[in-house]
Amino acid sequence: MCGIIAVLRRPSTREVPELVELLGLLESVSNSLSVEDLKILKKQVESLDFVNSQLKGLPGFLALLTNEGLIPAIETSLDRLFDFFQNPEVQPSLSSNDVEVLNVLSSRMRDLVWSIKNDRVGSYKRVSDLTSKKFQK
């Protein structure tokens, strides 16, 4: 007996996102990142979550495919975000409740940065490496 199982998805109904706009969000977050204001940090996490959701699936893949030249800028912004949380420059003086909120937001942001870099952009690169050069533009 064969144990192969296929998982099929229905075609996406989402439009292909504008990668320039998503890059703008990433650059905005990476250029203004601060742990001093938790409300701003929460909005930045929401922006990263939006970018991650837009780069999922076929529409996200097609956005990366048609704008491959923007990938280095995306990776630069993601690296800047990753470095910020690896080596925080400022240790804010926060209440214990705020420290807990900061930890949750920081953890979520690191997870989103990792996901965008490895799951979205990384998957695109791996699939791109598998394609025959004759099928590329």
C-alpha atoms as a PDB file:
ATOM      1  CA  MET A   1       0.000   0.000   0.000  1.00  0.00           C
ATOM      2  CA  CYS A   2       1.063   3.515  -0.723  1.00  0.00           C
ATOM      3  CA  GLY A   3       0.866   6.143   2.000  1.00  0.00           C
ATOM      4  CA  ILE A   4       1.129   9.251  -0.151  1.00  0.00           C
ATOM      5  CA  ILE A   5      -1.286  11.996   0.798  1.00  0.00           C
ATOM      6  CA  ALA A   6      -1.791  15.126  -1.262  1.00  0.00           C
ATOM      7  CA  VAL A   7      -2.784  18.428   0.276  1.00  0.00           C
ATOM      8  CA  LEU A   8      -4.433  20.751  -2.185  1.00  0.00           C
ATOM      9  CA  ARG A   9      -5.328  24.372  -1.692  1.00  0.00           C
ATOM     10  CA  ARG A  10      -7.847  26.370  -3.574  1.00  0.00           C
ATOM     11  CA  PRO A  11      -6.464  29.173  -5.745  1.00  0.00           C
ATOM     12  CA  SER A  12      -5.780  32.401  -3.924  1.00  0.00           C
ATOM     13  CA  THR A  13      -8.225  35.243  -4.423  1.00  0.00           C
ATOM     14  CA  ARG A  14      -5.809  37.860  -3.086  1.00  0.00           C
ATOM     15  CA  GLU A  15      -4.226  40.380  -5.399  1.00  0.00           C
ATOM     16  CA  VAL A  16      -0.467  40.381  -5.749  1.00  0.00           C
ATOM     17  CA  PRO A  17       0.775  42.912  -3.175  1.00  0.00           C
ATOM     18  CA  GLU A  18       2.885  45.919  -4.134  1.00  0.00           C
ATOM     19  CA  LEU A  19       6.349  44.986  -2.933  1.00  0.00           C
ATOM     20  CA  VAL A  20       7.468  48.625  -2.985  1.00  0.00           C
ATOM     21  CA  GLU A  21       4.803  49.447  -0.383  1.00  0.00           C
ATOM     22  CA  LEU A  22       5.770  46.475   1.767  1.00  0.00           C
ATOM     23  CA  LEU A  23       9.426  47.496   1.550  1.00  0.00           C
ATOM     24  CA  GLY A  24       8.403  51.000   2.619  1.00  0.00           C
ATOM     25  CA  LEU A  25       6.721  49.563   5.715  1.00  0.00           C
ATOM     26  CA  LEU A  26       9.784  47.472   6.535  1.00  0.00           C
ATOM     27  CA  GLU A  27      12.123  50.437   6.116  1.00  0.00           C
ATOM     28  CA  SER A  28       9.847  52.651   8.194  1.00  0.00           C
ATOM     29  CA  VAL A  29       9.889  50.130  11.042  1.00  0.00           C
ATOM     30  CA  SER A  30      13.628  49.456  10.844  1.00  0.00           C
ATOM     31  CA  ASN A  31      14.519  53.173  10.663  1.00  0.00           C
ATOM     32  CA  SER A  32      12.355  54.228  13.612  1.00  0.00           C
ATOM     33  CA  LEU A  33      12.638  51.258  15.940  1.00  0.00           C
ATOM     34  CA  SER A  34      12.642  52.123  19.617  1.00  0.00           C
ATOM     35  CA  VAL A  35      11.632  50.321  22.776  1.00  0.00           C
ATOM     36  CA  GLU A  36      10.854  53.566  24.572  1.00  0.00           C
ATOM     37  CA  ASP A  37       7.234  53.832  23.418  1.00  0.00           C
ATOM     38  CA  LEU A  38       5.303  50.573  23.639  1.00  0.00           C
ATOM     39  CA  LYS A  39       2.349  51.921  21.639  1.00  0.00           C
ATOM     40  CA  ILE A  40       4.625  52.684  18.694  1.00  0.00           C
ATOM     41  CA  LEU A  41       6.343  49.298  19.086  1.00  0.00           C
ATOM     42  CA  LYS A  42       2.926  47.596  18.974  1.00  0.00           C
ATOM     43  CA  LYS A  43       2.093  49.424  15.724  1.00  0.00           C
ATOM     44  CA  GLN A  44       5.452  48.380  14.302  1.00  0.00           C
ATOM     45  CA  VAL A  45       4.726  44.749  15.189  1.00  0.00           C
ATOM     46  CA  GLU A  46       1.360  45.091  13.440  1.00  0.00           C
ATOM     47  CA  SER A  47       3.131  46.483  10.365  1.00  0.00           C
ATOM     48  CA  LEU A  48       5.516  43.519  10.293  1.00  0.00           C
ATOM     49  CA  ASP A  49       2.595  41.143  10.728  1.00  0.00           C
ATOM     50  CA  PHE A  50       0.897  42.779   7.742  1.00  0.00           C
ATOM     51  CA  VAL A  51       4.045  42.447   5.614  1.00  0.00           C
ATOM     52  CA  ASN A  52       4.372  38.794   6.599  1.00  0.00           C
ATOM     53  CA  SER A  53       0.728  38.069   5.743  1.00  0.00           C
ATOM     54  CA  GLN A  54       1.032  39.800   2.363  1.00  0.00           C
ATOM     55  CA  LEU A  55       4.101  37.776   1.400  1.00  0.00           C
ATOM     56  CA  LYS A  56       2.393  34.444   2.096  1.00  0.00           C
ATOM     57  CA  GLY A  57       1.213  32.124  -0.626  1.00  0.00           C
ATOM     58  CA  LEU A  58       1.257  32.556  -4.368  1.00  0.00           C
ATOM     59  CA  PRO A  59       0.493  36.316  -4.343  1.00  0.00           C
ATOM     60  CA  GLY A  60       3.503  36.954  -2.095  1.00  0.00           C
ATOM     61  CA  PHE A  61       5.687  34.698  -4.207  1.00  0.00           C
ATOM     62  CA  LEU A  62       4.631  36.525  -7.370  1.00  0.00           C
ATOM     63  CA  ALA A  63       5.343  39.884  -5.718  1.00  0.00           C
ATOM     64  CA  LEU A  64       8.889  38.734  -4.987  1.00  0.00           C
ATOM     65  CA  LEU A  65       9.268  37.226  -8.457  1.00  0.00           C
ATOM     66  CA  THR A  66       8.234  40.396 -10.275  1.00  0.00           C
ATOM     67  CA  ASN A  67      10.318  42.644  -8.006  1.00  0.00           C
ATOM     68  CA  GLU A  68      13.372  40.501  -7.376  1.00  0.00           C
ATOM     69  CA  GLY A  69      15.613  43.570  -7.366  1.00  0.00           C
ATOM     70  CA  LEU A  70      13.996  44.742  -4.104  1.00  0.00           C
ATOM     71  CA  ILE A  71      14.940  41.610  -2.174  1.00  0.00           C
ATOM     72  CA  PRO A  72      18.372  42.913  -1.037  1.00  0.00           C
ATOM     73  CA  ALA A  73      16.715  46.040   0.414  1.00  0.00           C
ATOM     74  CA  ILE A  74      14.143  43.865   2.194  1.00  0.00           C
ATOM     75  CA  GLU A  75      16.917  41.717   3.644  1.00  0.00           C
ATOM     76  CA  THR A  76      18.853  44.799   4.770  1.00  0.00           C
ATOM     77  CA  SER A  77      15.821  46.102   6.671  1.00  0.00           C
ATOM     78  CA  LEU A  78      15.226  42.690   8.229  1.00  0.00           C
ATOM     79  CA  ASP A  79      18.881  42.396   9.251  1.00  0.00           C
ATOM     80  CA  ARG A  80      18.707  45.829  10.877  1.00  0.00           C
ATOM     81  CA  LEU A  81      15.644  44.738  12.869  1.00  0.00           C
ATOM     82  CA  PHE A  82      17.270  41.466  13.884  1.00  0.00           C
ATOM     83  CA  ASP A  83      20.451  43.242  14.991  1.00  0.00           C
ATOM     84  CA  PHE A  84      18.462  45.763  17.035  1.00  0.00           C
ATOM     85  CA  PHE A  85      16.974  43.039  19.185  1.00  0.00           C
ATOM     86  CA  GLN A  86      20.201  41.074  19.412  1.00  0.00           C
ATOM     87  CA  ASN A  87      22.080  44.126  20.714  1.00  0.00           C
ATOM     88  CA  PRO A  88      19.622  46.584  22.249  1.00  0.00           C
ATOM     89  CA  GLU A  89      21.263  49.972  22.631  1.00  0.00           C
ATOM     90  CA  VAL A  90      18.838  51.325  25.198  1.00  0.00           C
ATOM     91  CA  GLN A  91      17.489  49.597  28.266  1.00  0.00           C
ATOM     92  CA  PRO A  92      14.353  51.575  29.040  1.00  0.00           C
ATOM     93  CA  SER A  93      13.182  52.120  32.592  1.00  0.00           C
ATOM     94  CA  LEU A  94       9.759  50.496  32.572  1.00  0.00           C
ATOM     95  CA  SER A  95       7.324  49.192  35.139  1.00  0.00           C
ATOM     96  CA  SER A  96       7.169  45.437  35.596  1.00  0.00           C
ATOM     97  CA  ASN A  97       3.923  45.260  33.576  1.00  0.00           C
ATOM     98  CA  ASP A  98       5.505  47.256  30.767  1.00  0.00           C
ATOM     99  CA  VAL A  99       8.580  45.025  30.803  1.00  0.00           C
ATOM    100  CA  GLU A 100       6.296  42.043  30.256  1.00  0.00           C
ATOM    101  CA  VAL A 101       4.569  43.820  27.351  1.00  0.00           C
ATOM    102  CA  LEU A 102       7.971  44.739  25.905  1.00  0.00           C
ATOM    103  CA  ASN A 103       9.099  41.113  26.110  1.00  0.00           C
ATOM    104  CA  VAL A 104       5.960  39.904  24.317  1.00  0.00           C
ATOM    105  CA  LEU A 105       6.277  42.547  21.591  1.00  0.00           C
ATOM    106  CA  SER A 106      10.015  41.944  21.164  1.00  0.00           C
ATOM    107  CA  SER A 107       9.504  38.211  20.898  1.00  0.00           C
ATOM    108  CA  ARG A 108       6.701  38.662  18.360  1.00  0.00           C
ATOM    109  CA  MET A 109       8.832  41.053  16.308  1.00  0.00           C
ATOM    110  CA  ARG A 110      11.802  38.647  16.268  1.00  0.00           C
ATOM    111  CA  ASP A 111       9.468  35.839  15.177  1.00  0.00           C
ATOM    112  CA  LEU A 112       8.022  37.974  12.373  1.00  0.00           C
ATOM    113  CA  VAL A 113      11.457  39.090  11.172  1.00  0.00           C
ATOM    114  CA  TRP A 114      12.605  35.460  11.122  1.00  0.00           C
ATOM    115  CA  SER A 115       9.451  34.380   9.307  1.00  0.00           C
ATOM    116  CA  ILE A 116       9.707  37.053   6.619  1.00  0.00           C
ATOM    117  CA  LYS A 117      13.394  36.402   6.064  1.00  0.00           C
ATOM    118  CA  ASN A 118      13.360  32.606   6.155  1.00  0.00           C
ATOM    119  CA  ASP A 119       9.817  31.541   5.313  1.00  0.00           C
ATOM    120  CA  ARG A 120       8.850  34.196   2.759  1.00  0.00           C
ATOM    121  CA  VAL A 121      12.065  35.452   1.133  1.00  0.00           C
ATOM    122  CA  GLY A 122      13.988  32.259   1.864  1.00  0.00           C
ATOM    123  CA  SER A 123      11.314  30.055   0.298  1.00  0.00           C
ATOM    124  CA  TYR A 124      11.208  32.299  -2.744  1.00  0.00           C
ATOM    125  CA  LYS A 125      14.984  31.958  -3.160  1.00  0.00           C
ATOM    126  CA  ARG A 126      14.890  28.170  -2.760  1.00  0.00           C
ATOM    127  CA  VAL A 127      12.090  27.786  -5.310  1.00  0.00           C
ATOM    128  CA  SER A 128      13.860  30.192  -7.644  1.00  0.00           C
ATOM    129  CA  ASP A 129      17.025  28.085  -7.376  1.00  0.00           C
ATOM    130  CA  LEU A 130      15.053  25.023  -8.467  1.00  0.00           C
ATOM    131  CA  THR A 131      13.610  26.585 -11.610  1.00  0.00           C
ATOM    132  CA  SER A 132      15.209  26.073 -14.949  1.00  0.00           C
ATOM    133  CA  LYS A 133      16.939  29.173 -16.260  1.00  0.00           C
ATOM    134  CA  LYS A 134      15.040  28.869 -19.546  1.00  0.00           C
ATOM    135  CA  PHE A 135      11.776  29.614 -17.695  1.00  0.00           C
ATOM    136  CA  GLN A 136      13.055  32.748 -16.048  1.00  0.00           C
ATOM    137  CA  LYS A 137      12.523  36.174 -17.525  1.00  0.00           C
END
